[in-house]
Each structure stands twice: as C-alpha cells, then as structure tokens.
Amino acid sequence: MKNTKKQNLPQKICVVCHRPFTWRKKWEAVWDDVKYCSDRCRTNRQAERASTD
C-alpha cells in the first residue's frame, strides 16, 4: 500500500453499524480478517446479534 492516495484505499462495510471504513496501516497484515470499524462496534457485536434473532 505504499504511495497510495487516501481516496484509493480499500474499503469495507462494518458488520455492526453498516458504515464504510477504510484500510489502516495497523490492519495491513490482517486486512482480510477485519470486520469491525472500531473497538466500539467490536464490543457491541453481541448486542447486534441479539437484536437480529
């Protein structure tokens, strides 16, 4: 991802809040496994599952 402009970074949709989020350098090695846009969404994932059942 060297020399990539910010508008050209890959994006994903958060499975909890359904908002798009952009690739971050700290996720470089685990980008394929990233599902949540933030720690807040990651900790609230149980609440999201309970509301869909």
C-alpha atoms as a PDB file:
ATOM      1  CA  MET A   1       0.000   0.000   0.000  1.00  0.00           C
ATOM      2  CA  LYS A   2       2.978   2.281  -0.358  1.00  0.00           C
ATOM      3  CA  ASN A   3       2.322   5.596  -2.108  1.00  0.00           C
ATOM      4  CA  THR A   4      -1.434   5.053  -2.330  1.00  0.00           C
ATOM      5  CA  LYS A   5      -3.619   8.129  -2.141  1.00  0.00           C
ATOM      6  CA  LYS A   6      -6.223   8.196   0.604  1.00  0.00           C
ATOM      7  CA  GLN A   7      -9.156   8.191  -1.800  1.00  0.00           C
ATOM      8  CA  ASN A   8      -7.816   4.992  -3.414  1.00  0.00           C
ATOM      9  CA  LEU A   9      -7.548   2.914  -0.232  1.00  0.00           C
ATOM     10  CA  PRO A  10      -9.707  -0.218   0.009  1.00  0.00           C
ATOM     11  CA  GLN A  11     -12.943  -0.032   1.978  1.00  0.00           C
ATOM     12  CA  LYS A  12     -15.199  -2.473   3.790  1.00  0.00           C
ATOM     13  CA  ILE A  13     -18.622  -2.239   5.431  1.00  0.00           C
ATOM     14  CA  CYS A  14     -18.793  -2.735   9.205  1.00  0.00           C
ATOM     15  CA  VAL A  15     -20.975  -5.742  10.111  1.00  0.00           C
ATOM     16  CA  VAL A  16     -22.406  -3.953  13.174  1.00  0.00           C
ATOM     17  CA  CYS A  17     -23.068  -0.327  12.157  1.00  0.00           C
ATOM     18  CA  HIS A  18     -23.123  -0.932   8.367  1.00  0.00           C
ATOM     19  CA  ARG A  19     -20.918   2.088   7.695  1.00  0.00           C
ATOM     20  CA  PRO A  20     -17.945   2.031   5.331  1.00  0.00           C
ATOM     21  CA  PHE A  21     -14.460   2.149   6.800  1.00  0.00           C
ATOM     22  CA  THR A  22     -11.090   2.495   5.122  1.00  0.00           C
ATOM     23  CA  TRP A  23      -7.897   0.449   5.302  1.00  0.00           C
ATOM     24  CA  ARG A  24      -5.446   1.449   8.037  1.00  0.00           C
ATOM     25  CA  LYS A  25      -1.727   0.794   8.261  1.00  0.00           C
ATOM     26  CA  LYS A  26      -2.155  -1.132  11.545  1.00  0.00           C
ATOM     27  CA  TRP A  27      -4.516  -3.547   9.735  1.00  0.00           C
ATOM     28  CA  GLU A  28      -2.039  -4.216   6.928  1.00  0.00           C
ATOM     29  CA  ALA A  29      -1.243  -7.823   7.949  1.00  0.00           C
ATOM     30  CA  VAL A  30      -4.828  -8.753   8.926  1.00  0.00           C
ATOM     31  CA  TRP A  31      -6.986  -6.760   6.481  1.00  0.00           C
ATOM     32  CA  ASP A  32      -8.789  -9.900   5.273  1.00  0.00           C
ATOM     33  CA  ASP A  33      -9.888 -10.665   8.849  1.00  0.00           C
ATOM     34  CA  VAL A  34     -11.057  -7.152   9.808  1.00  0.00           C
ATOM     35  CA  LYS A  35     -14.858  -6.994  10.239  1.00  0.00           C
ATOM     36  CA  TYR A  36     -15.459  -4.035  12.550  1.00  0.00           C
ATOM     37  CA  CYS A  37     -14.690  -0.355  12.022  1.00  0.00           C
ATOM     38  CA  SER A  38     -13.838   0.325  15.665  1.00  0.00           C
ATOM     39  CA  ASP A  39     -13.447  -1.159  19.130  1.00  0.00           C
ATOM     40  CA  ARG A  40     -16.902   0.172  19.948  1.00  0.00           C
ATOM     41  CA  CYS A  41     -18.502  -1.895  17.189  1.00  0.00           C
ATOM     42  CA  ARG A  42     -16.402  -4.919  18.106  1.00  0.00           C
ATOM     43  CA  THR A  43     -17.607  -4.781  21.719  1.00  0.00           C
ATOM     44  CA  ASN A  44     -21.220  -4.154  20.657  1.00  0.00           C
ATOM     45  CA  ARG A  45     -21.364  -7.110  18.277  1.00  0.00           C
ATOM     46  CA  GLN A  46     -23.256  -9.264  20.824  1.00  0.00           C
ATOM     47  CA  ALA A  47     -25.960  -6.615  21.100  1.00  0.00           C
ATOM     48  CA  GLU A  48     -26.309  -6.571  17.308  1.00  0.00           C
ATOM     49  CA  ARG A  49     -26.672 -10.370  17.175  1.00  0.00           C
ATOM     50  CA  ALA A  50     -29.324 -10.357  19.920  1.00  0.00           C
ATOM     51  CA  SER A  51     -31.408  -7.749  18.090  1.00  0.00           C
ATOM     52  CA  THR A  52     -31.428  -9.761  14.845  1.00  0.00           C
ATOM     53  CA  ASP A  53     -32.591 -13.023  16.470  1.00  0.00           C
END
